[in-house]
Protein backbone atom coordinates (compact mmCIF):
# COMPACT_ATOMS: atom_id res chain seq x y z
CA MET A 1 44.93 138.10 124.83
CA SER A 2 45.87 135.67 127.59
CA GLU A 3 46.41 136.92 131.14
CA LYS A 4 50.18 136.68 130.62
CA GLU A 5 50.00 138.66 127.38
CA LEU A 6 47.90 141.30 129.11
CA ALA A 7 50.43 141.46 131.96
CA ARG A 8 53.25 142.07 129.48
CA LYS A 9 51.17 144.73 127.76
CA SER A 10 50.58 146.53 131.07
CA VAL A 11 54.32 146.67 131.73
CA GLU A 12 54.74 148.25 128.31
CA TYR A 13 51.94 150.73 129.00
CA ARG A 14 53.39 151.70 132.38
CA ARG A 15 56.77 152.31 130.78
CA LYS A 16 55.18 154.62 128.22
CA ILE A 17 53.02 156.48 130.75
CA LEU A 18 56.16 157.32 132.72
CA LYS A 19 58.10 158.23 129.59
CA TYR A 20 55.63 160.81 128.35
CA ILE A 21 54.91 162.29 131.77
CA TYR A 22 58.67 162.57 132.34
CA LEU A 23 59.17 164.28 128.96
CA ALA A 24 56.21 166.63 129.43
CA LYS A 25 57.12 167.42 133.05
CA ALA A 26 53.41 167.17 133.82
CA GLY A 27 50.83 164.46 134.36
CA HIS A 28 48.69 162.49 136.78
CA THR A 29 51.06 159.63 137.41
CA GLY A 30 49.48 157.72 140.31
CA GLY A 31 45.97 157.48 138.88
CA SER A 32 47.19 156.58 135.40
CA LEU A 33 49.15 153.68 136.88
CA SER A 34 46.18 152.54 138.98
CA CYS A 35 43.75 152.38 136.06
CA ILE A 36 45.98 151.13 133.24
CA ASP A 37 45.22 147.44 133.81
CA ILE A 38 41.52 148.21 133.45
CA LEU A 39 42.05 150.07 130.18
CA ASN A 40 44.33 147.27 128.98
CA VAL A 41 41.58 144.68 129.42
CA LEU A 42 38.91 146.94 127.94
CA TYR A 43 40.80 147.74 124.75
CA ASN A 44 42.50 144.37 124.27
CA HIS A 45 39.69 142.05 125.33
CA VAL A 46 36.31 143.76 125.66
CA LEU A 47 35.57 146.73 123.44
CA ASN A 48 34.24 146.40 119.93
CA VAL A 49 36.07 149.45 118.64
CA ASN A 50 39.00 149.95 116.30
CA ALA A 51 40.96 152.72 114.66
CA ALA A 52 40.01 151.72 111.11
CA ASP A 53 36.28 152.11 111.72
CA PHE A 54 35.98 154.51 114.63
CA SER A 55 33.00 156.27 113.04
CA SER A 56 30.90 153.09 113.00
CA PRO A 57 27.54 153.68 114.72
CA ASP A 58 27.74 150.11 116.02
CA ARG A 59 31.02 150.55 117.93
CA ASP A 60 31.20 150.20 121.70
CA ARG A 61 31.76 153.49 123.51
CA TYR A 62 34.36 154.16 126.21
CA ILE A 63 34.15 157.43 128.14
CA GLN A 64 36.85 158.28 130.68
CA SER A 65 35.14 160.28 133.39
CA LYS A 66 38.33 160.54 135.47
CA GLY A 67 39.82 162.55 132.66
CA HIS A 68 42.88 163.77 134.55
CA THR A 69 44.48 160.32 134.06
CA VAL A 70 44.44 160.85 130.33
CA GLU A 71 48.04 159.65 129.95
CA ALA A 72 46.81 156.08 130.44
CA LEU A 73 44.17 156.54 127.75
CA TYR A 74 46.61 158.17 125.31
CA VAL A 75 49.17 155.36 125.44
CA VAL A 76 46.46 152.73 124.92
CA LEU A 77 44.90 154.57 121.99
CA ALA A 78 48.33 154.99 120.40
CA SER A 79 49.04 151.28 120.80
CA LYS A 80 45.74 150.50 119.06
CA GLY A 81 46.67 152.65 116.07
CA PHE A 82 44.39 155.64 116.58
CA PHE A 83 47.34 157.99 116.08
CA PRO A 84 51.15 157.74 115.83
CA GLU A 85 52.75 157.26 119.23
CA SER A 86 55.25 159.97 118.34
CA ASP A 87 52.39 162.46 118.75
CA LEU A 88 52.66 161.94 122.50
CA GLU A 89 56.04 163.67 122.48
CA THR A 90 53.98 166.88 122.27
CA LEU A 91 52.03 166.08 125.46
CA CYS A 92 51.10 169.28 127.29
CA THR A 93 53.04 171.51 124.90
CA TYR A 94 51.79 174.69 123.25
CA GLN A 95 49.14 174.10 120.56
CA SER A 96 49.24 170.31 121.00
CA HIS A 97 45.90 168.48 121.01
CA TYR A 98 47.41 166.11 123.59
CA ILE A 99 46.48 168.12 126.65
CA GLY A 100 45.99 167.01 130.24
CA HIS A 101 42.37 165.92 129.81
CA PRO A 102 40.60 163.98 127.05
CA THR A 103 39.48 166.02 124.06
CA ARG A 104 37.70 164.89 120.91
CA LYS A 105 40.43 166.60 118.92
CA VAL A 106 42.38 163.39 119.66
CA ARG A 107 41.24 160.50 117.51
CA GLY A 108 39.71 157.71 119.56
CA VAL A 109 38.39 159.96 122.33
CA GLU A 110 34.59 159.80 122.55
CA GLN A 111 33.91 162.79 124.80
CA ASN A 112 35.67 165.76 126.35
CA THR A 113 35.95 164.98 130.05
CA GLY A 114 37.87 166.04 133.10
CA ALA A 115 35.30 168.13 134.92
CA LEU A 116 34.75 165.35 137.42
CA GLY A 117 31.30 163.81 137.73
CA HIS A 118 30.28 164.38 134.11
CA GLY A 119 31.35 161.12 132.49
CA LEU A 120 28.59 158.98 133.96
CA SER A 121 25.94 161.45 132.80
CA LEU A 122 27.37 161.44 129.28
CA SER A 123 27.45 157.66 129.34
CA VAL A 124 23.83 157.41 130.45
CA GLY A 125 22.77 159.64 127.56
CA THR A 126 24.80 157.57 125.12
CA ALA A 127 23.30 154.34 126.45
CA ILE A 128 19.77 155.75 126.17
CA ALA A 129 20.52 156.69 122.56
CA GLY A 130 21.60 153.12 121.89
CA LYS A 131 18.33 151.80 123.27
CA LEU A 132 16.27 154.27 121.24
CA ASP A 133 18.20 153.45 118.05
CA LYS A 134 17.89 149.70 118.77
CA LYS A 135 21.68 149.35 118.60
CA ASP A 136 23.66 146.58 120.27
CA TYR A 137 26.63 148.71 121.28
CA ARG A 138 27.66 148.93 124.91
CA VAL A 139 28.86 151.93 126.89
CA PHE A 140 31.72 151.74 129.39
CA THR A 141 32.83 154.57 131.64
CA LEU A 142 35.66 154.81 134.16
CA LEU A 143 35.17 156.88 137.29
CA GLY A 144 37.56 157.67 140.11
CA ASP A 145 36.43 157.08 143.66
CA GLY A 146 37.43 160.67 144.42
CA GLU A 147 34.81 162.04 142.02
CA LEU A 148 31.88 160.10 143.50
CA PRO A 149 30.78 162.94 145.86
CA GLU A 150 29.79 164.96 142.77
CA GLY A 151 25.99 165.08 142.77
CA SER A 152 25.67 164.55 139.03
CA ASN A 153 26.92 160.99 139.50
CA TRP A 154 23.93 160.11 141.63
CA GLU A 155 21.44 161.78 139.29
CA ALA A 156 22.96 159.73 136.49
CA ALA A 157 22.92 156.55 138.57
CA LEU A 158 19.24 157.03 139.31
CA SER A 159 18.46 157.68 135.62
CA ALA A 160 20.46 154.65 134.46
CA ALA A 161 18.44 152.34 136.67
CA HIS A 162 15.14 154.01 135.77
CA TYR A 163 15.76 153.47 132.05
CA LYS A 164 16.98 149.90 132.62
CA LEU A 165 20.29 150.56 130.89
CA ASP A 166 21.78 147.07 130.85
CA ASN A 167 23.96 148.27 127.95
CA LEU A 168 25.87 150.47 130.41
CA CYS A 169 28.83 149.47 132.58
CA ALA A 170 30.48 151.88 134.99
CA ILE A 171 33.85 151.03 136.49
CA ILE A 172 35.18 152.67 139.65
CA ASP A 173 38.96 152.89 139.94
CA LYS A 174 38.89 152.54 143.73
CA ASN A 175 42.43 153.44 144.77
CA ASN A 176 41.23 155.22 147.94
CA LEU A 177 43.20 158.42 147.34
CA GLN A 178 42.44 161.76 145.74
CA ILE A 179 44.36 164.99 145.33
CA SER A 180 43.80 166.24 148.87
CA GLY A 181 43.89 163.02 150.87
CA ALA A 182 42.23 159.68 151.46
CA THR A 183 38.74 159.50 149.96
CA SER A 184 37.44 158.27 153.31
CA ASP A 185 38.67 161.49 154.94
CA VAL A 186 37.78 164.01 152.23
CA CYS A 187 34.20 162.81 151.67
CA ASN A 188 33.46 159.20 152.48
CA THR A 189 31.14 157.52 149.96
CA ASP A 190 31.41 153.98 151.33
CA PRO A 191 29.69 151.61 151.15
CA VAL A 192 29.67 152.33 147.41
CA ASP A 193 28.24 148.93 146.49
CA ALA A 194 25.21 149.30 148.76
CA LYS A 195 24.52 152.80 147.46
CA PHE A 196 24.53 151.75 143.81
CA GLU A 197 22.51 148.63 144.57
CA ALA A 198 19.94 150.82 146.33
CA PHE A 199 19.76 152.92 143.17
CA GLY A 200 19.01 149.78 141.14
CA TRP A 201 22.41 148.71 139.80
CA SER A 202 23.97 145.25 139.75
CA VAL A 203 27.41 145.37 141.35
CA ARG A 204 30.55 143.23 141.41
CA HIS A 205 33.92 143.70 143.11
CA VAL A 206 37.22 142.79 141.45
CA ASP A 207 40.94 143.21 142.02
CA GLY A 208 41.63 145.93 139.47
CA HIS A 209 45.09 144.51 138.76
CA ASP A 210 43.97 140.89 138.29
CA PHE A 211 43.44 140.21 134.59
CA GLU A 212 41.50 137.02 135.13
CA GLN A 213 39.03 138.78 137.44
CA LEU A 214 38.68 141.76 135.13
CA LYS A 215 38.04 139.57 132.09
CA ALA A 216 35.51 137.45 133.94
CA ALA A 217 33.58 140.48 135.17
CA PHE A 218 33.44 142.21 131.80
CA ASP A 219 32.52 138.97 130.04
CA ALA A 220 29.51 138.63 132.38
CA ILE A 221 28.02 142.03 131.50
CA PRO A 222 25.16 142.69 131.90
CA PHE A 223 25.23 141.19 135.35
CA GLU A 224 21.43 141.31 135.37
CA ILE A 225 19.06 141.94 132.47
CA GLY A 226 17.37 145.29 132.86
CA LYS A 227 19.98 146.74 135.23
CA PRO A 228 23.13 148.83 134.63
CA SER A 229 26.34 147.10 135.77
CA LEU A 230 28.95 148.48 138.15
CA VAL A 231 32.44 147.05 138.52
CA ILE A 232 34.21 148.24 141.65
CA ALA A 233 37.88 147.72 140.81
CA HIS A 234 40.08 147.78 143.90
CA THR A 235 43.39 149.28 142.80
CA ILE A 236 46.61 150.76 144.14
CA LYS A 237 47.54 154.31 143.24
CA GLY A 238 50.94 154.27 141.54
CA LYS A 239 50.71 150.51 140.95
CA GLY A 240 53.86 148.93 139.57
CA ILE A 241 56.38 151.44 140.90
CA SER A 242 57.22 150.65 144.50
CA TYR A 243 58.02 154.17 145.70
CA MET A 244 54.83 155.55 144.12
CA GLU A 245 52.36 152.97 145.41
CA SER A 246 49.71 154.40 147.76
CA GLN A 247 51.64 157.67 148.05
CA LEU A 248 49.45 160.77 147.89
CA LYS A 249 52.19 162.99 146.45
CA TRP A 250 52.12 161.00 143.21
CA HIS A 251 48.54 162.03 142.42
CA HIS A 252 50.17 164.62 140.18
CA GLY A 253 53.90 164.07 140.26
CA VAL A 254 56.75 164.07 137.79
CA PRO A 255 59.71 161.80 138.51
CA SER A 256 63.22 163.18 138.60
CA GLN A 257 65.80 161.67 136.28
CA GLU A 258 66.95 159.34 139.05
CA GLN A 259 63.39 158.36 139.98
CA TYR A 260 62.54 157.77 136.33
CA SER A 261 65.58 155.51 135.95
CA ASP A 262 64.65 153.58 139.09
CA ALA A 263 61.08 153.11 137.82
CA LEU A 264 62.26 151.77 134.47
CA GLN A 265 64.52 149.29 136.27
CA GLU A 266 61.56 148.03 138.29
CA LEU A 267 59.53 147.60 135.11
CA ASP A 268 62.42 145.74 133.47
CA VAL A 269 62.42 143.31 136.39
CA ALA A 270 58.65 142.91 136.14
CA GLU A 271 58.94 142.19 132.42
CA GLU A 272 61.68 139.62 132.98
CA SER A 273 59.49 137.81 135.51
CA LEU A 274 56.87 137.33 132.78
CA ALA A 275 59.27 135.80 130.26
């Protein structure tokens, strides 16, 4: 897809994220909106994975460590044909598989995640398996900057460098906010780049809403042979909806009918600007 096609697709995804969170009366709105451009580029430009052959041992793997923003993942998987989009009308309802964190009961989901700090460890193990099996698949994982203080991340980061996992790419959705405040106030992990580089990773920064930058970074993986790659994607929580952007209360927030209507109008304007 071209950058303009990806931009149109992100407007569509944002509209659907809001729709299903509004219908369910539950969901992590701000983080889903901050990471959706990343998922858009991964599934529409990068990943060698498809609904028709999801069991292929040669497929690329995507593991969403920041599992609470599962609404973004669900709408992308639905758009790629992993399940009917109408399934999402059951989001967060009794006995639905479409719960508030990724589960392998949903087709297209690689791993159950949501206990923060586990996704990178799972991804390291999957990447090691690929090396041992002499497979060419790549492993991508999305972390939130708010989950970086979890110690398991740093154990995994050390292991990834030790085993020279250049088939692994971690992406940090760096929107600078978490449920209880600014990440710099809750538990500051900056400078993230220097820390990962000290652990033996190759690191690049991108604007997490710039499709050209995202494509260029992912196309360059591995950044260095013999090293795992880290993409630090600088994003805005609630991106695309003006009254949600960089507002802590939208970490987990459901729009009212009026707010939902206002958000859809903003997305309509954004779509028209791309015509």
